[in-house]
Amino acid sequence: MRHRRPNRVFGSVHDEFWRRCEERALWMQQCAECQLVQWPPVEVECEGCASTALAWIQLSGRGQVMSWCTFERSYYDQLPVPWDTIVVELEEGPVFVSNPFGFAVSDAAVGMPVRVTFIECGDDGGDYLLPVFEQG
């Protein structure tokens, strides 16, 4: 079942991220100079050292829960409330805001290991795979 979501951000680096998600893999940019893994993706230069030597790398998809919340106010018509979100610190360093999959935020704990999985979604731009996180 495809989940209806608010519209994604499009553009060169964002399009690359969504293309990689279609492979059911989590990819982000990494700086060749300082090794910083960047999220969200950037067009021009590393946020850590200003190098332009950025390349896409595949991440492990593993991380740990840092925080969570439940939205009880409607911000998007496509997302009925209550709406659970989690903040995940990926093994490679970036912090990623996503949704729990297969568990409720009431079961979340700081440091709980999670791994990426992908769910079928759609927006005005078409169908796509969205990275979300399950226990593991």
C-alpha atoms as a PDB file:
ATOM      1  CA  MET A   1       0.000   0.000   0.000  1.00  0.00           C
ATOM      2  CA  ARG A   2       1.386   3.393  -0.980  1.00  0.00           C
ATOM      3  CA  HIS A   3       1.314   6.066   1.703  1.00  0.00           C
ATOM      4  CA  ARG A   4       0.430   9.588   0.614  1.00  0.00           C
ATOM      5  CA  ARG A   5       3.027  12.100   1.828  1.00  0.00           C
ATOM      6  CA  PRO A   6       3.717  15.821   1.503  1.00  0.00           C
ATOM      7  CA  ASN A   7       5.705  16.773  -1.577  1.00  0.00           C
ATOM      8  CA  ARG A   8       9.423  16.029  -1.586  1.00  0.00           C
ATOM      9  CA  VAL A   9      12.142  18.584  -2.327  1.00  0.00           C
ATOM     10  CA  PHE A  10      13.533  18.197  -5.839  1.00  0.00           C
ATOM     11  CA  GLY A  11      16.727  19.451  -7.511  1.00  0.00           C
ATOM     12  CA  SER A  12      20.074  17.962  -8.499  1.00  0.00           C
ATOM     13  CA  VAL A  13      21.348  16.670  -5.138  1.00  0.00           C
ATOM     14  CA  HIS A  14      17.867  15.835  -3.876  1.00  0.00           C
ATOM     15  CA  ASP A  15      17.055  13.935  -7.069  1.00  0.00           C
ATOM     16  CA  GLU A  16      20.196  11.849  -6.534  1.00  0.00           C
ATOM     17  CA  PHE A  17      19.118  10.997  -2.977  1.00  0.00           C
ATOM     18  CA  TRP A  18      15.664   9.856  -4.136  1.00  0.00           C
ATOM     19  CA  ARG A  19      17.162   7.874  -7.030  1.00  0.00           C
ATOM     20  CA  ARG A  20      19.369   5.979  -4.573  1.00  0.00           C
ATOM     21  CA  CYS A  21      16.375   5.281  -2.317  1.00  0.00           C
ATOM     22  CA  GLU A  22      14.781   3.465  -5.268  1.00  0.00           C
ATOM     23  CA  GLU A  23      17.684   0.993  -4.898  1.00  0.00           C
ATOM     24  CA  ARG A  24      16.557   0.439  -1.277  1.00  0.00           C
ATOM     25  CA  ALA A  25      19.848   1.858  -0.054  1.00  0.00           C
ATOM     26  CA  LEU A  26      20.664   4.923   2.022  1.00  0.00           C
ATOM     27  CA  TRP A  27      23.247   7.157   0.337  1.00  0.00           C
ATOM     28  CA  MET A  28      24.606  10.517   1.456  1.00  0.00           C
ATOM     29  CA  GLN A  29      27.407  12.839   0.431  1.00  0.00           C
ATOM     30  CA  GLN A  30      30.848  12.571   1.989  1.00  0.00           C
ATOM     31  CA  CYS A  31      33.670  15.085   1.783  1.00  0.00           C
ATOM     32  CA  ALA A  32      36.928  13.644   0.417  1.00  0.00           C
ATOM     33  CA  GLU A  33      38.929  16.202   2.424  1.00  0.00           C
ATOM     34  CA  CYS A  34      37.531  16.015   5.975  1.00  0.00           C
ATOM     35  CA  GLN A  35      35.403  12.810   5.617  1.00  0.00           C
ATOM     36  CA  LEU A  36      32.265  14.547   6.941  1.00  0.00           C
ATOM     37  CA  VAL A  37      29.095  12.746   5.865  1.00  0.00           C
ATOM     38  CA  GLN A  38      26.574  15.447   5.051  1.00  0.00           C
ATOM     39  CA  TRP A  39      22.844  15.576   5.552  1.00  0.00           C
ATOM     40  CA  PRO A  40      20.917  17.148   3.985  1.00  0.00           C
ATOM     41  CA  PRO A  41      22.788  17.066   0.676  1.00  0.00           C
ATOM     42  CA  VAL A  42      24.476  20.258  -0.496  1.00  0.00           C
ATOM     43  CA  GLU A  43      24.994  21.693  -3.974  1.00  0.00           C
ATOM     44  CA  VAL A  44      28.422  23.282  -3.672  1.00  0.00           C
ATOM     45  CA  GLU A  45      30.735  22.712  -0.743  1.00  0.00           C
ATOM     46  CA  CYS A  46      31.295  20.754   2.441  1.00  0.00           C
ATOM     47  CA  GLU A  47      29.735  22.305   5.510  1.00  0.00           C
ATOM     48  CA  GLY A  48      32.753  21.226   7.577  1.00  0.00           C
ATOM     49  CA  CYS A  49      35.725  22.448   5.535  1.00  0.00           C
ATOM     50  CA  ALA A  50      34.303  24.170   2.417  1.00  0.00           C
ATOM     51  CA  SER A  51      35.873  21.608   0.053  1.00  0.00           C
ATOM     52  CA  THR A  52      34.049  20.948  -3.204  1.00  0.00           C
ATOM     53  CA  ALA A  53      35.233  17.306  -3.231  1.00  0.00           C
ATOM     54  CA  LEU A  54      31.901  15.678  -2.409  1.00  0.00           C
ATOM     55  CA  ALA A  55      30.955  12.152  -3.427  1.00  0.00           C
ATOM     56  CA  TRP A  56      27.957   9.935  -2.765  1.00  0.00           C
ATOM     57  CA  ILE A  57      28.593   6.923  -0.496  1.00  0.00           C
ATOM     58  CA  GLN A  58      26.315   4.124   0.609  1.00  0.00           C
ATOM     59  CA  LEU A  59      25.708   4.102   4.355  1.00  0.00           C
ATOM     60  CA  SER A  60      25.178   1.092   6.585  1.00  0.00           C
ATOM     61  CA  GLY A  61      21.605   2.154   7.307  1.00  0.00           C
ATOM     62  CA  ARG A  62      22.193   1.475  11.004  1.00  0.00           C
ATOM     63  CA  GLY A  63      21.888   3.968  13.816  1.00  0.00           C
ATOM     64  CA  GLN A  64      20.381   4.690  17.173  1.00  0.00           C
ATOM     65  CA  VAL A  65      17.383   6.644  18.380  1.00  0.00           C
ATOM     66  CA  MET A  66      18.320  10.030  19.840  1.00  0.00           C
ATOM     67  CA  SER A  67      14.813  11.405  20.411  1.00  0.00           C
ATOM     68  CA  TRP A  68      11.205  11.145  19.298  1.00  0.00           C
ATOM     69  CA  CYS A  69       7.938  13.032  19.343  1.00  0.00           C
ATOM     70  CA  THR A  70       4.315  12.712  18.373  1.00  0.00           C
ATOM     71  CA  PHE A  71       2.727  15.549  16.440  1.00  0.00           C
ATOM     72  CA  GLU A  72      -0.808  16.156  17.582  1.00  0.00           C
ATOM     73  CA  ARG A  73      -1.398  19.223  15.431  1.00  0.00           C
ATOM     74  CA  SER A  74      -2.014  18.818  11.715  1.00  0.00           C
ATOM     75  CA  TYR A  75       0.671  20.419   9.536  1.00  0.00           C
ATOM     76  CA  TYR A  76      -0.036  18.517   6.314  1.00  0.00           C
ATOM     77  CA  ASP A  77      -3.349  17.207   5.013  1.00  0.00           C
ATOM     78  CA  GLN A  78      -1.551  14.030   3.877  1.00  0.00           C
ATOM     79  CA  LEU A  79      -0.440  13.168   7.437  1.00  0.00           C
ATOM     80  CA  PRO A  80      -3.287  12.461   9.835  1.00  0.00           C
ATOM     81  CA  VAL A  81      -2.542  13.075  13.498  1.00  0.00           C
ATOM     82  CA  PRO A  82      -1.203  11.758  15.722  1.00  0.00           C
ATOM     83  CA  TRP A  83       2.023  11.509  13.700  1.00  0.00           C
ATOM     84  CA  ASP A  84       5.153   9.820  15.170  1.00  0.00           C
ATOM     85  CA  THR A  85       8.688  10.900  14.300  1.00  0.00           C
ATOM     86  CA  ILE A  86      12.096   9.794  15.498  1.00  0.00           C
ATOM     87  CA  VAL A  87      15.525  11.374  15.365  1.00  0.00           C
ATOM     88  CA  VAL A  88      18.199   8.844  14.408  1.00  0.00           C
ATOM     89  CA  GLU A  89      21.955   9.282  14.716  1.00  0.00           C
ATOM     90  CA  LEU A  90      23.387   7.183  11.899  1.00  0.00           C
ATOM     91  CA  GLU A  91      26.577   5.150  12.476  1.00  0.00           C
ATOM     92  CA  GLU A  92      28.365   7.401   9.986  1.00  0.00           C
ATOM     93  CA  GLY A  93      27.462  10.532  11.963  1.00  0.00           C
ATOM     94  CA  PRO A  94      24.559  12.388  10.349  1.00  0.00           C
ATOM     95  CA  VAL A  95      21.320  12.951  12.220  1.00  0.00           C
ATOM     96  CA  PHE A  96      18.218  11.929  10.254  1.00  0.00           C
ATOM     97  CA  VAL A  97      14.594  12.732  11.103  1.00  0.00           C
ATOM     98  CA  SER A  98      12.269   9.944  10.039  1.00  0.00           C
ATOM     99  CA  ASN A  99       9.401   7.758  11.152  1.00  0.00           C
ATOM    100  CA  PRO A 100       9.381   4.598  13.246  1.00  0.00           C
ATOM    101  CA  PHE A 101       8.339   1.472  11.373  1.00  0.00           C
ATOM    102  CA  GLY A 102       6.991  -1.550  13.247  1.00  0.00           C
ATOM    103  CA  PHE A 103       7.230   0.072  16.669  1.00  0.00           C
ATOM    104  CA  ALA A 104       5.537   2.938  18.500  1.00  0.00           C
ATOM    105  CA  VAL A 105       7.397   5.894  19.954  1.00  0.00           C
ATOM    106  CA  SER A 106       6.094   4.749  23.338  1.00  0.00           C
ATOM    107  CA  ASP A 107       8.475   1.784  22.888  1.00  0.00           C
ATOM    108  CA  ALA A 108      11.431   3.978  21.861  1.00  0.00           C
ATOM    109  CA  ALA A 109      14.428   4.551  24.098  1.00  0.00           C
ATOM    110  CA  VAL A 110      17.505   6.713  23.744  1.00  0.00           C
ATOM    111  CA  GLY A 111      20.227   4.553  22.213  1.00  0.00           C
ATOM    112  CA  MET A 112      17.797   1.961  20.834  1.00  0.00           C
ATOM    113  CA  PRO A 113      19.385   0.414  17.730  1.00  0.00           C
ATOM    114  CA  VAL A 114      17.485   0.903  14.473  1.00  0.00           C
ATOM    115  CA  ARG A 115      18.052   0.133  10.812  1.00  0.00           C
ATOM    116  CA  VAL A 116      16.676   1.665   7.655  1.00  0.00           C
ATOM    117  CA  THR A 117      13.924   0.114   5.626  1.00  0.00           C
ATOM    118  CA  PHE A 118      11.892   1.616   2.800  1.00  0.00           C
ATOM    119  CA  ILE A 119       8.146   2.065   2.403  1.00  0.00           C
ATOM    120  CA  GLU A 120       6.210   2.815  -0.756  1.00  0.00           C
ATOM    121  CA  CYS A 121       4.953   6.392  -0.827  1.00  0.00           C
ATOM    122  CA  GLY A 122       3.536   8.880  -3.292  1.00  0.00           C
ATOM    123  CA  ASP A 123       3.310  12.635  -3.688  1.00  0.00           C
ATOM    124  CA  ASP A 124       2.557  15.065  -6.515  1.00  0.00           C
ATOM    125  CA  GLY A 125       5.920  14.086  -8.074  1.00  0.00           C
ATOM    126  CA  GLY A 126       4.968  10.396  -8.290  1.00  0.00           C
ATOM    127  CA  ASP A 127       5.696   7.178  -6.448  1.00  0.00           C
ATOM    128  CA  TYR A 128       8.908   6.719  -4.468  1.00  0.00           C
ATOM    129  CA  LEU A 129      10.520   4.768  -1.629  1.00  0.00           C
ATOM    130  CA  LEU A 130      10.831   6.590   1.697  1.00  0.00           C
ATOM    131  CA  PRO A 131      13.518   5.647   4.237  1.00  0.00           C
ATOM    132  CA  VAL A 132      12.058   4.882   7.668  1.00  0.00           C
ATOM    133  CA  PHE A 133      13.578   3.014  10.620  1.00  0.00           C
ATOM    134  CA  GLU A 134      12.732  -0.269  12.323  1.00  0.00           C
ATOM    135  CA  GLN A 135      14.194  -1.827  15.454  1.00  0.00           C
ATOM    136  CA  GLY A 136      17.412  -3.664  14.919  1.00  0.00           C
END
